Amino acid sequence: MNTADQEKSQGAPQFWSPLDGMQKLGHTFLNFFAAVGSLSRFAAQGIYHCFAPPFFARLFVRQLIDIGYYSLPVVGMTALFTGMVLALQSYTGFSRFSAEGAVATVVVLSVTRELAPVLAGLMVAGRVGAAIAAEIGTMRVTEQIDALTTLSTNPFKYLIAPRILAGTLMLPALVLVGDVIGVFGGYLVGVYKLGFGPENYLHKTWEYLTADDVISGLWKAAAFGFIVTLMGCYNGFNSQRGAQGVGAATTNAVVSASILILIVNYFLTQLFFAGK
C-alpha cells in the first residue's frame, strides 16, 4: 500500500477543489433542465389528450364538481375577508391624504385584477393540488396506473386530461364568484363600519371598473387552474414508491404550484397592464 492509500485509509482530510464545485453546479443545471423537459413533455401530452377523443364525460363532470363546487366555500371565505381587510387598510392609508373616496375603487380593482385570482389559485392549490397528487400517487404506488395500461386504457386520457380541463375551466368560475364576494366584503365594511353612503360607494365601485379588469383576472385564473392541476397530476404520476413517496409528491405539488402561480402572475400582469 502506497502513502496516498495509507492516508486515505487513515481518514486524512480531503481538500475541496474548484472542479468539485463546478461538477455539482453542472449536475444542478442538468437536473433542472431535465425536470423542465419532463414537465413540458407531460404538459404537452396532457393538453393533447384534452382535445383528442375519446372523452370520459362522467370523469370530467366529477372533476368539475370536485374542483369547482367543493372549493367554493374556501374561495368564498378567502375573498370575503380579503375584501373586508382591504377596505380597512385602504381607508387607514388614504385617510392620511384625505383620499378616503378612493377606497371603493382600490378594493374593486385590487380584487378583480390580483387578489381574487392569486388567492383563489393558492387556496385551490392547497386543496385540489394536494388531493390530486395524493390520489394519483396512491394509484401509482398500488400499480393501478399499470393496470389501466394493461387494460388498454390510456392513463393520460383517463386520469390527467379530465383534471387539467376541469381545473382550467372551473377556476375562472370560482374567481368570478370570488370577485363578487370580495367586493361585497369591502362594501359591508365601507358602508357599515367606515360610514360611506351605499349609493356613493357603489358609484365609486363602478366608476373606474372596466371589462378588461375582470377579464384579465379570469385569464389569470385559467392559467392558475392549469398550473394547479398540472403540477398535481405530474407529481402524483411520477411519485416514488411507498407512503413517503406519496407524501413527497403531495408536498411538491402544492409548493411548486404556489411558486409557479406567483411567477406566472407577474408575467401576466406585465402582459395585461404594461404601458397602461
Protein backbone atom coordinates (compact mmCIF):
# COMPACT_ATOMS: atom_id res chain seq x y z
CA MET A 1 0.00 0.00 0.00
CA ASN A 2 1.44 3.36 -1.04
CA THR A 3 1.47 6.56 1.04
CA ALA A 4 -1.66 8.08 -0.57
CA ASP A 5 -3.67 4.93 0.12
CA GLN A 6 -2.45 4.87 3.72
CA GLU A 7 -3.53 8.50 4.26
CA LYS A 8 -6.95 7.81 2.73
CA SER A 9 -7.44 4.70 4.88
CA GLN A 10 -6.44 6.64 8.00
CA GLY A 11 -9.16 9.27 7.35
CA ALA A 12 -6.90 12.05 6.10
CA PRO A 13 -8.86 15.26 5.34
CA GLN A 14 -9.91 15.71 1.73
CA PHE A 15 -9.43 19.23 0.38
CA TRP A 16 -12.16 20.93 -1.67
CA SER A 17 -11.34 21.51 -5.31
CA PRO A 18 -12.93 24.10 -7.63
CA LEU A 19 -13.61 21.21 -10.00
CA ASP A 20 -15.89 19.66 -7.38
CA GLY A 21 -17.95 22.84 -7.20
CA MET A 22 -18.20 23.04 -10.99
CA GLN A 23 -19.28 19.40 -11.11
CA LYS A 24 -22.04 19.97 -8.55
CA LEU A 25 -23.17 23.10 -10.37
CA GLY A 26 -23.27 21.20 -13.64
CA HIS A 27 -25.32 18.41 -12.07
CA THR A 28 -27.74 21.01 -10.69
CA PHE A 29 -28.25 22.60 -14.10
CA LEU A 30 -28.64 19.24 -15.80
CA ASN A 31 -31.21 18.08 -13.26
CA PHE A 32 -33.10 21.36 -13.59
CA PHE A 33 -33.31 21.20 -17.37
CA ALA A 34 -34.19 17.50 -17.22
CA ALA A 35 -37.08 18.33 -14.87
CA VAL A 36 -38.24 21.20 -17.13
CA GLY A 37 -38.12 18.91 -20.16
CA SER A 38 -40.02 16.16 -18.36
CA LEU A 39 -42.69 18.60 -17.17
CA SER A 40 -43.02 20.16 -20.64
CA ARG A 41 -43.45 16.77 -22.25
CA PHE A 42 -46.01 15.79 -19.63
CA ALA A 43 -47.92 19.05 -20.16
CA ALA A 44 -47.91 18.59 -23.94
CA GLN A 45 -49.31 15.08 -23.60
CA GLY A 46 -51.96 16.25 -21.17
CA ILE A 47 -53.07 19.11 -23.44
CA TYR A 48 -53.20 16.81 -26.46
CA HIS A 49 -55.42 14.29 -24.70
CA CYS A 50 -57.76 17.08 -23.56
CA PHE A 51 -58.86 17.53 -27.19
CA ALA A 52 -58.29 14.12 -28.75
CA PRO A 53 -61.13 11.57 -28.49
CA PRO A 54 -62.36 9.54 -26.75
CA PHE A 55 -63.75 11.67 -23.90
CA PHE A 56 -64.66 10.37 -20.45
CA ALA A 57 -67.57 12.71 -19.80
CA ARG A 58 -68.50 11.17 -16.46
CA LEU A 59 -64.99 11.64 -15.07
CA PHE A 60 -64.89 15.19 -16.42
CA VAL A 61 -68.16 16.14 -14.70
CA ARG A 62 -66.94 14.58 -11.47
CA GLN A 63 -63.79 16.70 -11.60
CA LEU A 64 -65.85 19.81 -12.29
CA ILE A 65 -67.74 19.17 -9.08
CA ASP A 66 -64.66 18.25 -7.02
CA ILE A 67 -62.55 21.17 -8.18
CA GLY A 68 -65.24 23.82 -8.56
CA TYR A 69 -68.20 23.22 -6.29
CA TYR A 70 -66.32 21.81 -3.30
CA SER A 71 -63.73 24.60 -3.47
CA LEU A 72 -66.38 27.32 -3.39
CA PRO A 73 -66.58 27.67 0.45
CA VAL A 74 -62.80 28.08 0.77
CA VAL A 75 -62.57 30.60 -2.06
CA GLY A 76 -65.67 32.47 -0.87
CA MET A 77 -64.43 32.87 2.70
CA THR A 78 -61.00 33.94 1.48
CA ALA A 79 -62.45 36.54 -0.89
CA LEU A 80 -64.91 37.89 1.67
CA PHE A 81 -62.38 38.61 4.39
CA THR A 82 -59.78 39.79 1.89
CA GLY A 83 -62.21 42.43 0.63
CA MET A 84 -63.06 43.46 4.18
CA VAL A 85 -59.44 43.75 5.28
CA LEU A 86 -58.52 45.58 2.08
CA ALA A 87 -61.23 48.18 2.72
CA LEU A 88 -59.98 48.75 6.28
CA GLN A 89 -56.34 49.03 5.24
CA SER A 90 -57.11 51.29 2.28
CA TYR A 91 -59.14 53.62 4.47
CA THR A 92 -56.37 53.78 7.05
CA GLY A 93 -53.81 54.69 4.41
CA PHE A 94 -55.89 57.08 2.33
CA SER A 95 -57.20 58.98 5.34
CA ARG A 96 -53.70 60.39 5.82
CA PHE A 97 -54.03 62.12 2.45
CA SER A 98 -57.74 62.95 2.67
CA ALA A 99 -58.45 60.50 -0.16
CA GLU A 100 -60.97 58.24 1.54
CA GLY A 101 -63.22 58.36 -1.53
CA ALA A 102 -60.77 56.11 -3.42
CA VAL A 103 -61.36 53.15 -1.08
CA ALA A 104 -64.11 51.59 -3.19
CA THR A 105 -62.07 51.91 -6.39
CA VAL A 106 -58.98 50.38 -4.82
CA VAL A 107 -60.98 47.47 -3.42
CA VAL A 108 -62.68 46.53 -6.68
CA LEU A 109 -59.55 46.91 -8.83
CA SER A 110 -57.34 45.02 -6.39
CA VAL A 111 -59.81 42.18 -6.01
CA THR A 112 -60.61 41.71 -9.70
CA ARG A 113 -57.10 42.20 -11.05
CA GLU A 114 -54.90 40.48 -8.47
CA LEU A 115 -56.21 39.27 -5.15
CA ALA A 116 -59.10 37.07 -6.25
CA PRO A 117 -57.14 35.16 -8.94
CA VAL A 118 -53.98 34.75 -6.89
CA LEU A 119 -55.60 33.85 -3.58
CA ALA A 120 -58.09 31.52 -5.24
CA GLY A 121 -55.22 29.83 -7.07
CA LEU A 122 -53.26 29.38 -3.86
CA MET A 123 -56.28 28.06 -1.97
CA VAL A 124 -57.16 25.62 -4.74
CA ALA A 125 -53.50 24.55 -4.92
CA GLY A 126 -53.59 23.68 -1.24
CA ARG A 127 -56.86 21.80 -1.52
CA VAL A 128 -57.12 20.36 -5.03
CA GLY A 129 -53.44 20.11 -5.98
CA ALA A 130 -52.65 18.10 -2.88
CA ALA A 131 -55.68 15.86 -3.35
CA ILE A 132 -54.83 15.14 -6.99
CA ALA A 133 -51.20 14.34 -6.20
CA ALA A 134 -52.20 12.06 -3.32
CA GLU A 135 -54.84 10.23 -5.36
CA ILE A 136 -52.72 9.65 -8.46
CA GLY A 137 -49.62 8.95 -6.36
CA THR A 138 -51.51 6.25 -4.46
CA MET A 139 -52.63 4.77 -7.76
CA ARG A 140 -49.01 4.73 -8.90
CA VAL A 141 -47.82 3.04 -5.70
CA THR A 142 -50.57 0.41 -5.78
CA GLU A 143 -49.93 -0.22 -9.51
CA GLN A 144 -53.41 0.84 -10.57
CA ILE A 145 -51.92 3.00 -13.32
CA ASP A 146 -50.06 -0.04 -14.65
CA ALA A 147 -53.35 -1.94 -14.55
CA LEU A 148 -55.00 0.77 -16.67
CA THR A 149 -52.26 0.39 -19.27
CA THR A 150 -52.70 -3.38 -19.20
CA LEU A 151 -56.41 -2.91 -19.87
CA SER A 152 -55.60 -0.72 -22.92
CA THR A 153 -56.77 2.46 -21.18
CA ASN A 154 -54.50 5.45 -21.66
CA PRO A 155 -53.70 6.90 -18.18
CA PHE A 156 -53.40 10.39 -19.66
CA LYS A 157 -56.83 10.12 -21.20
CA TYR A 158 -58.43 8.62 -18.08
CA LEU A 159 -56.62 10.44 -15.24
CA ILE A 160 -54.80 13.53 -16.47
CA ALA A 161 -56.94 15.15 -19.18
CA PRO A 162 -60.23 15.39 -17.20
CA ARG A 163 -58.46 17.03 -14.26
CA ILE A 164 -56.48 19.53 -16.33
CA LEU A 165 -59.50 20.53 -18.39
CA ALA A 166 -61.77 20.81 -15.35
CA GLY A 167 -59.25 22.90 -13.41
CA THR A 168 -58.68 25.27 -16.33
CA LEU A 169 -62.41 25.83 -16.75
CA MET A 170 -63.56 25.93 -13.14
CA LEU A 171 -61.03 28.27 -11.56
CA PRO A 172 -62.25 31.26 -13.64
CA ALA A 173 -65.78 30.49 -12.45
CA LEU A 174 -64.54 30.40 -8.86
CA VAL A 175 -62.68 33.68 -9.34
CA LEU A 176 -65.77 35.34 -10.82
CA VAL A 177 -67.74 34.37 -7.73
CA GLY A 178 -64.80 35.47 -5.58
CA ASP A 179 -64.82 38.88 -7.28
CA VAL A 180 -68.42 39.43 -6.30
CA ILE A 181 -67.93 38.20 -2.74
CA GLY A 182 -64.72 40.20 -2.26
CA VAL A 183 -66.30 43.44 -3.48
CA PHE A 184 -69.30 42.72 -1.27
CA GLY A 185 -66.98 42.32 1.73
CA GLY A 186 -65.48 45.73 1.01
CA TYR A 187 -68.99 47.14 0.67
CA LEU A 188 -70.01 45.79 4.07
CA VAL A 189 -67.01 47.36 5.80
CA GLY A 190 -67.24 50.60 3.83
CA VAL A 191 -70.94 51.18 4.49
CA TYR A 192 -71.50 49.71 7.94
CA LYS A 193 -68.16 50.45 9.61
CA LEU A 194 -66.50 53.31 7.76
CA GLY A 195 -69.66 55.32 7.19
CA PHE A 196 -69.80 55.54 3.39
CA GLY A 197 -73.19 56.04 1.79
CA PRO A 198 -74.38 52.94 -0.10
CA GLU A 199 -75.10 54.83 -3.32
CA ASN A 200 -71.80 56.71 -3.20
CA TYR A 201 -69.81 53.53 -2.52
CA LEU A 202 -71.44 51.67 -5.41
CA HIS A 203 -70.90 54.64 -7.71
CA LYS A 204 -67.20 54.72 -6.85
CA THR A 205 -67.02 50.96 -7.35
CA TRP A 206 -68.37 51.15 -10.91
CA GLU A 207 -66.78 54.45 -11.91
CA TYR A 208 -63.32 53.18 -12.85
CA LEU A 209 -64.00 49.45 -13.24
CA THR A 210 -63.68 48.22 -16.84
CA ALA A 211 -64.30 44.88 -18.51
CA ASP A 212 -60.55 44.45 -19.02
CA ASP A 213 -60.02 44.42 -15.26
CA VAL A 214 -62.38 41.47 -14.81
CA ILE A 215 -61.34 39.62 -17.96
CA SER A 216 -57.64 39.85 -17.14
CA GLY A 217 -58.35 38.26 -13.76
CA LEU A 218 -60.28 35.45 -15.43
CA TRP A 219 -57.42 34.76 -17.85
CA LYS A 220 -55.07 34.61 -14.89
CA ALA A 221 -57.43 32.20 -13.15
CA ALA A 222 -57.47 29.89 -16.19
CA ALA A 223 -53.67 29.84 -16.23
CA PHE A 224 -53.54 29.18 -12.48
CA GLY A 225 -56.10 26.38 -12.76
CA PHE A 226 -53.98 24.74 -15.44
CA ILE A 227 -50.87 25.08 -13.28
CA VAL A 228 -52.51 23.64 -10.15
CA THR A 229 -53.93 20.57 -11.87
CA LEU A 230 -50.82 20.03 -14.00
CA MET A 231 -48.48 20.04 -11.01
CA GLY A 232 -50.80 17.82 -9.01
CA CYS A 233 -51.03 15.31 -11.86
CA TYR A 234 -47.32 15.47 -12.69
CA ASN A 235 -46.07 14.93 -9.14
CA GLY A 236 -48.61 12.22 -8.44
CA PHE A 237 -47.93 10.42 -11.73
CA ASN A 238 -44.16 10.41 -11.04
CA SER A 239 -44.49 9.56 -7.36
CA GLN A 240 -41.89 7.28 -5.83
CA ARG A 241 -42.84 4.01 -4.21
CA GLY A 242 -44.14 3.87 -0.68
CA ALA A 243 -46.05 6.20 1.61
CA GLN A 244 -43.06 8.52 1.87
CA GLY A 245 -43.04 8.96 -1.90
CA VAL A 246 -46.72 9.87 -1.96
CA GLY A 247 -46.20 12.39 0.84
CA ALA A 248 -43.28 13.97 -1.00
CA ALA A 249 -45.32 14.15 -4.21
CA THR A 250 -48.16 15.89 -2.38
CA THR A 251 -45.82 18.45 -0.82
CA ASN A 252 -44.02 19.09 -4.11
CA ALA A 253 -47.34 19.58 -5.92
CA VAL A 254 -48.51 22.31 -3.53
CA VAL A 255 -45.16 24.10 -3.26
CA SER A 256 -44.36 24.03 -6.97
CA ALA A 257 -47.87 25.13 -7.95
CA SER A 258 -47.81 28.02 -5.45
CA ILE A 259 -44.43 29.26 -6.66
CA LEU A 260 -45.42 28.99 -10.33
CA ILE A 261 -48.64 30.90 -9.64
CA LEU A 262 -46.71 33.82 -8.19
CA ILE A 263 -44.16 33.79 -11.03
CA VAL A 264 -46.74 33.50 -13.81
CA ASN A 265 -48.86 36.19 -12.15
CA TYR A 266 -46.04 38.69 -12.58
CA PHE A 267 -45.61 37.97 -16.28
CA LEU A 268 -49.36 38.04 -16.94
CA THR A 269 -49.66 41.35 -15.11
CA GLN A 270 -46.81 42.69 -17.20
CA LEU A 271 -48.59 41.47 -20.33
CA PHE A 272 -52.02 42.87 -19.48
CA PHE A 273 -51.19 46.17 -17.81
CA ALA A 274 -47.74 47.26 -19.00
CA GLY A 275 -47.94 50.72 -20.51
CA LYS A 276 -51.48 51.40 -19.27
